[in-house]
Amino acid sequence: MVNKSTTIPAMVAVIALTAFSTGCAHRSSGSQQTHPAAAEFAAGLRDKVTADAMMAHLSKLQDIANANNGTRAVGTPGYEASVDYVVNVLRGSGFDVQTPEFSARVFHAEKPVLTVGGKSVEAHALDFSLGTGPDGVSGPLVSAPPNNLGCAASDYASLPLRGAVVLVDRGTCPFAQKEDAAAQGGAVAMIIADNVDEQQMGGTLGPATEVKIPVLSVTKSVGVQLRGQPGPTTIKLTASAQSFRARNVIAQTKTGSATGVVMAGAHLDSVPDGPGINDNGSGVAAVLETAVRLGNSPPVHNALRFGFWGAEELGLIGSRNYVESLDLTALKNLALYLNFDMLASPNPGYFTYDGDQSLPADARGQPVVPEGSAGIERTLVAYLKSAGKTAQDTAFDGRSDYDGFTLAGIPSGGLFSGAEGKMSADQAKLWGGTADQPFDPNYHQKTDTLDHIDRTALGINGGGVAYAIGLYAQDLGGHNGVPAMADRVRHVLVKS
């Protein structure tokens, strides 16, 4: 799962549309089959997708990371080996597999040097920050008021910003928007203070953003200290960005309607700092094992398409590229999209994406949530209830690969076991976890390994992946259904 406040990057699509992207599934000539009742089919598929099988996939992904400097990040041999593994498993199950390429950029930075009032301060460079020369950039530290998040140039109108290093709190808008507003006001650099307690605040300005000033992050506690002790500030940062090409993985069943395609996806890449076994090997394992158990020609009413995305951790690049490659007909042929990102957190929550927009307004923001998403949420909530878990909402906050699909008007939903946020006391009572601890303390760390997978959560959520895919494979209608073809509203995303 990508960090909060990520700017979704624009990029140049390099994919030629394939038969999968246009929805031209091949209905087998002998596909005049009797389709099992949807719930019965879904339950049978759920029972076939076992924790043992998913753990076996995770073990392979861990082995790949171990053999490649502890990472499966895009732009590394570990990612390429991960792609090859998924492709080989799918082809071994009879699927025709496509690996469309896309362009992306990766950021490298040395540890920044930040001094305030002559004292060294621990800081982190946001991805795609502008670097500095050897002497760095200097200026007085100017703090925006805590309720002023620096999202617009007008937010800085009362501050002596020109030539200053500005300190703002995280929240509300993308980091790149804050950077642009501060640069317009004449700031020479920006420091963003975290708004939650965590060891390090990551984030990206986006690989396509024209960044004008260096941008660092500090923890919440350091931000409080800096507000109380401003002084002359210097930032030194050596940073660079590199362009590269990467692959998604796409496979589709040969059976089922090509005008009612059910798509399920999970991002395949890790962050550079770790193997990414929960984030997002867990989602990959569940979707992959579901595809294996279905095979290439299951007795389904609707075609099933599986996507394994690259460069999610750099800003949802692979999935966004894929959606941008679809014309209006291909988008209309996609009935819905199911997203699975982090399913086995060690202190797990049981969340479903807020398809009915029942979260309070301040918690949900203003996402695009297409008609039909509420039905998907109801399906997943009911599944979790049957598994003995009471679901709670998680916002469509733009942090995972559903984002391009919802922007294009495709009903979406999914399961999530929690990331860096902390479990509340009420949630601990509800789910049996540990209160005031992160759902996943290994999020984006080198410790996101096989040893820290919660096997119970993997089994429950992996079963939910299979159940939802199986249900919609047979029936798109009813109370939990999505709009019929004639009622689908789609939007072609502009390639940038």
Protein backbone atom coordinates (compact mmCIF):
# COMPACT_ATOMS: atom_id res chain seq x y z
CA MET A 1 0.00 0.00 0.00
CA VAL A 2 1.33 3.38 -0.98
CA ASN A 3 1.96 6.00 1.72
CA LYS A 4 -0.59 8.63 2.66
CA SER A 5 -0.83 11.88 0.69
CA THR A 6 0.69 10.34 -2.40
CA THR A 7 0.30 12.27 -5.60
CA ILE A 8 -0.94 9.92 -8.31
CA PRO A 9 1.60 10.35 -11.10
CA ALA A 10 0.89 11.16 -14.67
CA MET A 11 2.81 9.02 -17.11
CA VAL A 12 3.08 8.04 -20.71
CA ALA A 13 1.36 4.78 -21.49
CA VAL A 14 3.43 2.43 -23.58
CA ILE A 15 0.99 -0.44 -23.86
CA ALA A 16 -0.71 -1.53 -26.99
CA LEU A 17 -4.22 -2.69 -26.12
CA THR A 18 -4.39 -6.43 -25.77
CA ALA A 19 -7.32 -8.75 -26.06
CA PHE A 20 -7.55 -8.62 -22.27
CA SER A 21 -7.60 -4.86 -22.03
CA THR A 22 -10.37 -4.58 -24.59
CA GLY A 23 -12.44 -7.21 -22.90
CA CYS A 24 -12.33 -9.57 -25.88
CA ALA A 25 -12.39 -12.77 -23.89
CA HIS A 26 -12.68 -15.97 -25.86
CA ARG A 27 -15.78 -17.91 -24.94
CA SER A 28 -14.90 -21.52 -25.48
CA SER A 29 -16.95 -23.25 -28.14
CA GLY A 30 -18.12 -25.81 -25.64
CA SER A 31 -19.14 -23.31 -22.98
CA GLN A 32 -22.88 -24.04 -23.03
CA GLN A 33 -22.63 -25.12 -19.42
CA THR A 34 -24.96 -25.07 -16.45
CA HIS A 35 -23.74 -22.32 -14.13
CA PRO A 36 -23.87 -23.29 -10.46
CA ALA A 37 -25.88 -21.09 -8.11
CA ALA A 38 -23.74 -18.07 -7.26
CA ALA A 39 -23.54 -18.52 -3.48
CA GLU A 40 -22.86 -22.25 -3.79
CA PHE A 41 -20.11 -21.66 -6.33
CA ALA A 42 -18.57 -18.89 -4.20
CA ALA A 43 -18.55 -21.03 -1.07
CA GLY A 44 -16.94 -23.91 -2.92
CA LEU A 45 -14.21 -21.67 -4.27
CA ARG A 46 -13.65 -20.16 -0.82
CA ASP A 47 -13.03 -23.62 0.63
CA LYS A 48 -10.42 -24.38 -2.03
CA VAL A 49 -8.31 -21.29 -1.32
CA THR A 50 -6.53 -22.42 1.83
CA ALA A 51 -4.11 -20.71 4.17
CA ASP A 52 -1.54 -23.44 3.42
CA ALA A 53 -1.66 -22.71 -0.31
CA MET A 54 -1.40 -18.96 0.18
CA MET A 55 1.49 -19.39 2.62
CA ALA A 56 3.30 -21.44 -0.03
CA HIS A 57 3.08 -18.49 -2.44
CA LEU A 58 4.31 -16.14 0.28
CA SER A 59 7.24 -18.45 0.97
CA LYS A 60 8.24 -18.24 -2.69
CA LEU A 61 8.04 -14.43 -2.61
CA GLN A 62 10.15 -14.38 0.56
CA ASP A 63 12.73 -16.61 -1.16
CA ILE A 64 12.80 -14.20 -4.10
CA ALA A 65 13.44 -11.25 -1.77
CA ASN A 66 16.12 -13.17 0.13
CA ALA A 67 17.94 -13.84 -3.14
CA ASN A 68 17.72 -10.19 -4.22
CA ASN A 69 19.03 -8.02 -1.40
CA GLY A 70 15.86 -8.27 0.66
CA THR A 71 13.54 -6.47 -1.74
CA ARG A 72 11.03 -6.98 -4.54
CA ALA A 73 10.77 -3.30 -5.47
CA VAL A 74 10.09 -2.23 -9.03
CA GLY A 75 13.32 -1.62 -10.92
CA THR A 76 15.13 -4.45 -9.11
CA PRO A 77 15.80 -8.09 -10.03
CA GLY A 78 13.53 -9.04 -7.13
CA TYR A 79 10.54 -7.50 -8.86
CA GLU A 80 11.35 -9.15 -12.17
CA ALA A 81 11.63 -12.52 -10.41
CA SER A 82 8.26 -11.87 -8.74
CA VAL A 83 6.68 -11.21 -12.13
CA ASP A 84 8.20 -14.39 -13.53
CA TYR A 85 6.89 -16.41 -10.59
CA VAL A 86 3.30 -15.18 -11.01
CA VAL A 87 3.45 -15.66 -14.79
CA ASN A 88 4.72 -19.23 -14.45
CA VAL A 89 2.05 -20.16 -11.89
CA LEU A 90 -0.72 -18.76 -14.11
CA ARG A 91 0.61 -20.42 -17.26
CA GLY A 92 0.90 -23.65 -15.33
CA SER A 93 -2.85 -23.38 -14.73
CA GLY A 94 -3.54 -22.93 -18.43
CA PHE A 95 -3.94 -19.16 -18.60
CA ASP A 96 -2.83 -17.03 -21.50
CA VAL A 97 -0.80 -14.37 -19.72
CA GLN A 98 0.12 -10.87 -20.83
CA THR A 99 2.88 -8.75 -19.27
CA PRO A 100 2.30 -5.23 -20.63
CA GLU A 101 5.13 -2.81 -19.99
CA PHE A 102 4.89 0.72 -18.70
CA SER A 103 7.31 3.54 -17.98
CA ALA A 104 8.08 4.75 -14.48
CA ARG A 105 10.70 6.63 -12.49
CA VAL A 106 12.46 5.61 -9.29
CA PHE A 107 13.98 7.95 -6.72
CA HIS A 108 17.26 7.54 -4.84
CA ALA A 109 18.45 9.78 -2.03
CA GLU A 110 21.17 9.78 0.57
CA LYS A 111 20.21 10.53 4.15
CA PRO A 112 19.52 14.27 4.34
CA VAL A 113 21.36 16.61 6.69
CA LEU A 114 19.04 19.00 8.53
CA THR A 115 20.33 21.53 11.06
CA VAL A 116 18.14 24.00 12.96
CA GLY A 117 19.76 26.56 15.25
CA GLY A 118 23.07 24.73 14.86
CA LYS A 119 21.61 21.42 16.05
CA SER A 120 21.27 18.27 13.96
CA VAL A 121 17.67 17.10 13.41
CA GLU A 122 16.55 13.63 12.24
CA ALA A 123 14.70 13.91 8.92
CA HIS A 124 13.72 11.92 5.85
CA ALA A 125 13.57 13.00 2.20
CA LEU A 126 10.22 12.62 0.49
CA ASP A 127 10.47 10.62 -2.72
CA PHE A 128 11.16 12.80 -5.76
CA SER A 129 12.27 15.72 -3.63
CA LEU A 130 14.60 18.17 -5.30
CA GLY A 131 18.19 17.75 -4.17
CA THR A 132 20.56 20.52 -3.15
CA GLY A 133 24.10 21.49 -4.01
CA PRO A 134 26.98 20.56 -1.69
CA ASP A 135 26.41 23.66 0.44
CA GLY A 136 22.69 22.99 0.78
CA VAL A 137 19.97 25.62 1.08
CA SER A 138 19.53 27.86 4.11
CA GLY A 139 16.99 30.23 5.57
CA PRO A 140 15.06 31.03 8.72
CA LEU A 141 12.56 28.42 9.87
CA VAL A 142 8.99 29.69 9.50
CA SER A 143 6.18 27.60 10.97
CA ALA A 144 2.68 27.60 9.55
CA PRO A 145 0.03 27.52 12.31
CA PRO A 146 -1.09 23.96 13.15
CA ASN A 147 -4.52 24.52 11.60
CA ASN A 148 -2.93 25.88 8.43
CA LEU A 149 -1.86 22.88 6.34
CA GLY A 150 -0.30 24.85 3.50
CA CYS A 151 -2.41 23.46 0.68
CA ALA A 152 -2.83 26.77 -1.16
CA ALA A 153 -0.62 29.79 -1.80
CA SER A 154 -3.09 31.90 0.20
CA ASP A 155 -2.29 29.80 3.27
CA TYR A 156 1.14 31.45 3.36
CA ALA A 157 0.02 35.03 2.71
CA SER A 158 0.61 36.17 6.31
CA LEU A 159 3.97 34.40 6.68
CA PRO A 160 7.46 35.80 5.88
CA LEU A 161 7.99 32.97 3.43
CA ARG A 162 10.43 34.38 0.88
CA GLY A 163 13.86 32.86 1.44
CA ALA A 164 12.61 30.76 4.35
CA VAL A 165 12.38 27.06 5.17
CA VAL A 166 8.70 26.45 5.94
CA LEU A 167 7.37 23.90 8.45
CA VAL A 168 3.83 22.57 7.88
CA ASP A 169 1.81 19.68 9.27
CA ARG A 170 0.84 16.65 7.22
CA GLY A 171 -2.79 16.28 6.22
CA THR A 172 -5.68 17.16 3.89
CA CYS A 173 -3.89 17.48 0.53
CA PRO A 174 -1.09 15.76 -1.44
CA PHE A 175 2.48 16.59 -0.54
CA ALA A 176 3.10 17.95 -4.03
CA GLN A 177 0.29 20.48 -3.56
CA LYS A 178 1.91 21.76 -0.37
CA GLU A 179 5.31 21.97 -2.08
CA ASP A 180 3.93 23.89 -5.04
CA ALA A 181 2.09 26.40 -2.85
CA ALA A 182 5.18 27.04 -0.70
CA ALA A 183 7.44 27.40 -3.73
CA GLN A 184 5.06 29.96 -5.22
CA GLY A 185 5.43 31.97 -2.03
CA GLY A 186 9.21 31.99 -2.27
CA ALA A 187 10.18 29.28 0.24
CA VAL A 188 13.59 27.70 -0.39
CA ALA A 189 12.66 24.37 1.24
CA MET A 190 9.85 22.62 3.12
CA ILE A 191 9.66 20.39 6.18
CA ILE A 192 6.46 18.38 6.70
CA ALA A 193 5.72 17.20 10.25
CA ASP A 194 3.83 13.93 10.66
CA ASN A 195 0.33 14.00 12.17
CA VAL A 196 0.49 10.49 13.65
CA ASP A 197 3.07 8.84 15.90
CA GLU A 198 5.33 6.63 13.78
CA GLN A 199 9.07 6.09 13.58
CA GLN A 200 9.45 7.62 10.14
CA MET A 201 7.11 9.45 7.82
CA GLY A 202 7.45 8.28 4.24
CA GLY A 203 5.73 9.67 1.20
CA THR A 204 6.19 10.77 -2.37
CA LEU A 205 5.79 13.95 -4.33
CA GLY A 206 5.09 11.88 -7.43
CA PRO A 207 7.48 10.95 -10.23
CA ALA A 208 5.90 13.33 -12.75
CA THR A 209 5.71 16.36 -10.44
CA GLU A 210 7.88 19.36 -11.31
CA VAL A 211 9.33 19.74 -7.83
CA LYS A 212 10.89 23.16 -7.21
CA ILE A 213 12.29 22.91 -3.67
CA PRO A 214 13.70 20.23 -1.34
CA VAL A 215 11.04 18.58 0.85
CA LEU A 216 11.86 16.66 4.04
CA SER A 217 9.65 14.98 6.62
CA VAL A 218 10.05 14.75 10.39
CA THR A 219 8.15 12.82 13.02
CA LYS A 220 5.25 14.33 14.93
CA SER A 221 7.34 14.83 18.08
CA VAL A 222 10.20 16.48 16.18
CA GLY A 223 7.70 18.80 14.51
CA VAL A 224 6.47 19.94 17.93
CA GLN A 225 10.07 20.60 19.04
CA LEU A 226 10.85 22.63 15.92
CA ARG A 227 7.80 24.82 16.41
CA GLY A 228 9.05 25.65 19.90
CA GLN A 229 12.69 26.23 18.94
CA PRO A 230 12.97 27.88 15.50
CA GLY A 231 16.30 29.10 14.22
CA PRO A 232 18.56 29.36 11.15
CA THR A 233 17.98 26.22 9.11
CA THR A 234 20.11 24.40 6.54
CA ILE A 235 19.16 21.39 4.42
CA LYS A 236 21.64 19.28 2.45
CA LEU A 237 20.28 16.51 0.24
CA THR A 238 21.84 14.41 -2.51
CA ALA A 239 19.02 12.99 -4.63
CA SER A 240 18.35 11.69 -8.13
CA ALA A 241 15.57 10.08 -10.16
CA GLN A 242 15.92 7.31 -12.75
CA SER A 243 13.47 6.27 -15.46
CA PHE A 244 12.81 2.60 -16.17
CA ARG A 245 10.28 0.19 -17.62
CA ALA A 246 8.33 -2.40 -15.64
CA ARG A 247 5.61 -4.99 -16.21
CA ASN A 248 2.10 -5.68 -15.00
CA VAL A 249 0.69 -9.21 -15.22
CA ILE A 250 -2.79 -9.75 -16.73
CA ALA A 251 -4.67 -13.03 -17.21
CA GLN A 252 -8.30 -13.79 -18.05
CA THR A 253 -10.50 -16.87 -18.13
CA LYS A 254 -11.54 -18.22 -21.52
CA THR A 255 -15.09 -18.72 -20.29
CA GLY A 256 -17.68 -16.19 -19.18
CA SER A 257 -19.23 -13.11 -20.73
CA ALA A 258 -16.80 -10.59 -22.16
CA THR A 259 -19.26 -7.78 -21.42
CA GLY A 260 -19.52 -8.49 -17.70
CA VAL A 261 -15.87 -8.91 -16.74
CA VAL A 262 -15.10 -9.24 -13.03
CA MET A 263 -11.57 -8.04 -12.31
CA ALA A 264 -9.51 -8.67 -9.18
CA GLY A 265 -6.09 -7.17 -8.58
CA ALA A 266 -3.20 -6.86 -6.14
CA HIS A 267 0.07 -4.98 -6.38
CA LEU A 268 3.12 -7.16 -6.81
CA ASP A 269 5.91 -4.77 -5.83
CA SER A 270 7.39 -4.09 -2.41
CA VAL A 271 9.06 -0.95 -1.14
CA PRO A 272 12.85 -0.82 -1.62
CA ASP A 273 13.45 -1.27 2.12
CA GLY A 274 11.82 -4.67 2.54
CA PRO A 275 10.43 -7.87 1.03
CA GLY A 276 6.78 -6.78 1.20
CA ILE A 277 5.29 -10.09 2.31
CA ASN A 278 2.18 -8.59 3.87
CA ASP A 279 2.34 -5.47 1.68
CA ASN A 280 1.46 -6.89 -0.67
CA GLY A 281 2.48 -10.51 -1.01
CA SER A 282 -0.66 -11.35 0.97
CA GLY A 283 -2.98 -9.85 -1.64
CA VAL A 284 -0.99 -11.44 -4.45
CA ALA A 285 -1.13 -14.87 -2.81
CA ALA A 286 -4.91 -14.69 -2.36
CA VAL A 287 -5.69 -13.51 -5.89
CA LEU A 288 -3.15 -15.90 -7.45
CA GLU A 289 -4.41 -18.94 -5.56
CA THR A 290 -8.00 -18.05 -6.48
CA ALA A 291 -7.00 -17.95 -10.16
CA VAL A 292 -5.23 -21.30 -9.83
CA ARG A 293 -8.26 -22.94 -8.23
CA LEU A 294 -10.57 -21.59 -10.92
CA GLY A 295 -8.35 -22.56 -13.84
CA ASN A 296 -8.57 -21.01 -17.27
CA SER A 297 -12.04 -22.31 -18.20
CA PRO A 298 -14.28 -22.44 -15.12
CA PRO A 299 -18.08 -22.81 -15.44
CA VAL A 300 -18.80 -19.11 -14.89
CA HIS A 301 -21.32 -16.68 -16.29
CA ASN A 302 -18.92 -13.71 -16.28
CA ALA A 303 -15.30 -13.69 -17.41
CA LEU A 304 -12.70 -13.23 -14.69
CA ARG A 305 -9.63 -11.07 -15.16
CA PHE A 306 -6.68 -10.98 -12.78
CA GLY A 307 -4.22 -8.09 -12.51
CA PHE A 308 -0.92 -7.98 -10.65
CA TRP A 309 0.33 -4.41 -10.60
CA GLY A 310 3.80 -2.93 -10.65
CA ALA A 311 4.99 0.34 -9.11
CA GLU A 312 2.07 0.73 -6.71
CA GLU A 313 4.55 1.82 -4.08
CA LEU A 314 5.77 4.60 -6.36
CA GLY A 315 2.28 6.05 -6.74
CA LEU A 316 -0.12 3.45 -8.21
CA ILE A 317 1.67 3.66 -11.54
CA GLY A 318 1.07 0.20 -13.02
CA SER A 319 -2.66 0.05 -12.32
CA ARG A 320 -3.20 3.65 -13.42
CA ASN A 321 -1.33 2.93 -16.64
CA TYR A 322 -3.55 -0.08 -17.26
CA VAL A 323 -6.79 1.85 -16.76
CA GLU A 324 -5.49 4.65 -18.97
CA SER A 325 -4.96 2.08 -21.73
CA LEU A 326 -8.68 1.17 -21.82
CA ASP A 327 -11.07 2.79 -24.28
CA LEU A 328 -14.72 3.45 -23.45
CA THR A 329 -15.90 0.05 -24.70
CA ALA A 330 -13.28 -1.78 -22.64
CA LEU A 331 -14.20 0.23 -19.56
CA LYS A 332 -17.90 -0.56 -19.99
CA ASN A 333 -17.10 -4.25 -20.36
CA LEU A 334 -15.51 -4.16 -16.89
CA ALA A 335 -18.41 -4.73 -14.51
CA LEU A 336 -16.41 -4.20 -11.30
CA TYR A 337 -12.95 -4.21 -9.75
CA LEU A 338 -11.92 -5.93 -6.50
CA ASN A 339 -8.72 -4.69 -4.84
CA PHE A 340 -6.74 -6.66 -2.28
CA ASP A 341 -3.85 -4.92 -0.53
CA MET A 342 -2.52 -6.09 2.87
CA LEU A 343 -4.62 -9.01 4.10
CA ALA A 344 -2.49 -10.53 6.87
CA SER A 345 -1.30 -7.77 9.19
CA PRO A 346 0.15 -9.12 12.46
CA ASN A 347 -2.31 -7.10 14.58
CA PRO A 348 -5.13 -7.46 12.09
CA GLY A 349 -8.22 -5.41 11.57
CA TYR A 350 -11.02 -6.51 9.28
CA PHE A 351 -11.88 -3.62 6.99
CA THR A 352 -13.94 -3.22 3.84
CA TYR A 353 -13.71 -0.21 1.55
CA ASP A 354 -16.47 2.30 2.27
CA GLY A 355 -18.63 1.71 -0.78
CA ASP A 356 -21.79 3.11 0.81
CA GLN A 357 -19.98 6.23 2.11
CA SER A 358 -21.14 5.66 5.67
CA LEU A 359 -17.96 6.97 7.28
CA PRO A 360 -18.21 10.46 8.79
CA ALA A 361 -17.47 13.19 6.26
CA ASP A 362 -14.19 14.16 7.91
CA ALA A 363 -12.98 10.54 7.79
CA ARG A 364 -13.98 9.71 4.24
CA GLY A 365 -12.94 12.90 2.43
CA GLN A 366 -14.42 13.40 -1.03
CA PRO A 367 -13.56 10.26 -3.00
CA VAL A 368 -15.08 9.16 -6.29
CA VAL A 369 -17.18 6.10 -5.39
CA PRO A 370 -19.10 4.73 -8.40
CA GLU A 371 -22.58 3.27 -8.17
CA GLY A 372 -22.40 -0.42 -7.34
CA SER A 373 -19.55 -0.06 -4.83
CA ALA A 374 -22.03 -0.22 -1.95
CA GLY A 375 -23.18 -3.65 -3.09
CA ILE A 376 -19.61 -4.91 -3.18
CA GLU A 377 -19.11 -3.66 0.36
CA ARG A 378 -22.27 -5.45 1.52
CA THR A 379 -21.03 -8.69 -0.04
CA LEU A 380 -17.71 -8.50 1.79
CA VAL A 381 -19.27 -7.41 5.08
CA ALA A 382 -21.63 -10.40 4.93
CA TYR A 383 -18.72 -12.72 4.15
CA LEU A 384 -16.72 -11.47 7.14
CA LYS A 385 -19.76 -11.88 9.37
CA SER A 386 -20.02 -15.50 8.24
CA ALA A 387 -16.35 -15.90 9.18
CA GLY A 388 -17.00 -14.52 12.67
CA LYS A 389 -15.64 -11.01 12.08
CA THR A 390 -17.48 -7.70 12.27
CA ALA A 391 -16.25 -5.44 9.49
CA GLN A 392 -15.44 -1.77 9.80
CA ASP A 393 -15.05 0.79 7.03
CA THR A 394 -11.81 2.00 5.53
CA ALA A 395 -11.91 5.06 3.30
CA PHE A 396 -11.38 5.19 -0.44
CA ASP A 397 -8.44 7.50 0.29
CA GLY A 398 -6.47 6.94 -2.91
CA ARG A 399 -3.77 4.80 -1.29
CA SER A 400 -4.20 1.66 -3.38
CA ASP A 401 -4.83 0.45 -6.90
CA TYR A 402 -8.61 0.84 -6.91
CA ASP A 403 -8.02 4.56 -7.46
CA GLY A 404 -7.71 4.51 -11.25
CA PHE A 405 -10.72 2.22 -11.55
CA THR A 406 -13.00 4.37 -9.40
CA LEU A 407 -11.92 7.50 -11.28
CA ALA A 408 -12.96 5.72 -14.48
CA GLY A 409 -16.40 4.96 -13.00
CA ILE A 410 -15.89 1.26 -12.27
CA PRO A 411 -17.57 -0.02 -9.06
CA SER A 412 -14.88 -1.15 -6.66
CA GLY A 413 -14.33 -2.71 -3.27
CA GLY A 414 -11.99 -4.90 -1.31
CA LEU A 415 -10.59 -6.09 2.00
CA PHE A 416 -7.81 -4.60 4.14
CA SER A 417 -6.22 -5.67 7.45
CA GLY A 418 -4.61 -2.35 8.39
CA ALA A 419 -1.26 -0.62 7.92
CA GLU A 420 0.53 1.95 10.10
CA GLY A 421 -2.58 3.19 11.90
CA LYS A 422 -3.11 2.05 15.49
CA MET A 423 -5.84 -0.26 16.70
CA SER A 424 -8.26 1.39 19.11
CA ALA A 425 -9.40 -0.16 22.37
CA ASP A 426 -12.84 -0.79 20.88
CA GLN A 427 -11.30 -2.50 17.86
CA ALA A 428 -9.14 -4.67 20.12
CA LYS A 429 -12.28 -5.83 21.92
CA LEU A 430 -14.00 -6.44 18.60
CA TRP A 431 -11.20 -8.36 16.89
CA GLY A 432 -9.02 -9.59 19.74
CA GLY A 433 -5.93 -7.57 18.86
CA THR A 434 -3.62 -5.28 20.84
CA ALA A 435 -4.89 -1.76 21.47
CA ASP A 436 -2.74 1.30 20.79
CA GLN A 437 -0.40 -0.70 18.55
CA PRO A 438 -0.15 -0.48 14.75
CA PHE A 439 -2.11 -2.99 12.72
CA ASP A 440 1.19 -3.69 10.97
CA PRO A 441 4.28 -2.44 12.83
CA ASN A 442 6.38 -3.79 9.93
CA TYR A 443 4.66 -1.63 7.31
CA HIS A 444 7.24 -0.56 4.70
CA GLN A 445 10.07 -2.00 6.81
CA LYS A 446 12.64 -4.74 6.27
CA THR A 447 10.72 -6.74 8.90
CA ASP A 448 7.68 -7.21 6.62
CA THR A 449 8.58 -10.88 6.32
CA LEU A 450 6.92 -14.28 6.25
CA ASP A 451 7.52 -14.62 10.00
CA HIS A 452 5.17 -11.71 10.69
CA ILE A 453 2.19 -12.88 8.64
CA ASP A 454 -0.97 -13.48 10.65
CA ARG A 455 -2.06 -16.82 9.28
CA THR A 456 -5.59 -16.57 10.67
CA ALA A 457 -6.19 -13.20 9.02
CA LEU A 458 -4.71 -14.53 5.78
CA GLY A 459 -7.09 -17.48 5.83
CA ILE A 460 -10.15 -15.35 6.57
CA ASN A 461 -9.36 -12.56 4.11
CA GLY A 462 -8.05 -14.93 1.45
CA GLY A 463 -11.31 -16.82 1.71
CA GLY A 464 -13.10 -13.51 1.22
CA VAL A 465 -11.14 -12.86 -1.95
CA ALA A 466 -12.24 -16.21 -3.36
CA TYR A 467 -15.83 -15.81 -2.17
CA ALA A 468 -16.34 -12.37 -3.73
CA ILE A 469 -14.72 -13.38 -7.01
CA GLY A 470 -16.79 -16.56 -7.14
CA LEU A 471 -20.05 -14.79 -6.33
CA TYR A 472 -19.71 -12.10 -8.99
CA ALA A 473 -18.40 -14.63 -11.48
CA GLN A 474 -21.92 -16.07 -11.50
CA ASP A 475 -24.18 -13.10 -10.76
CA LEU A 476 -23.77 -9.34 -11.15
CA GLY A 477 -27.36 -8.53 -10.21
CA GLY A 478 -29.50 -8.41 -7.09
CA HIS A 479 -29.25 -6.30 -3.96
CA ASN A 480 -25.45 -6.52 -3.89
CA GLY A 481 -25.03 -6.24 -7.64
CA VAL A 482 -23.58 -3.60 -9.94
CA PRO A 483 -25.19 -1.67 -12.82
CA ALA A 484 -26.11 -3.58 -15.96
CA MET A 485 -24.29 -2.77 -19.20
CA ALA A 486 -26.91 -0.26 -20.36
CA ASP A 487 -26.61 1.68 -17.10
CA ARG A 488 -22.82 1.76 -16.76
CA VAL A 489 -21.23 5.20 -16.72
CA ARG A 490 -17.54 5.22 -17.51
CA HIS A 491 -14.87 7.87 -18.01
CA VAL A 492 -11.78 7.42 -20.17
CA LEU A 493 -8.72 8.54 -18.22
CA VAL A 494 -6.48 10.93 -20.10
CA LYS A 495 -2.93 9.75 -20.68
CA SER A 496 -0.51 12.40 -19.54
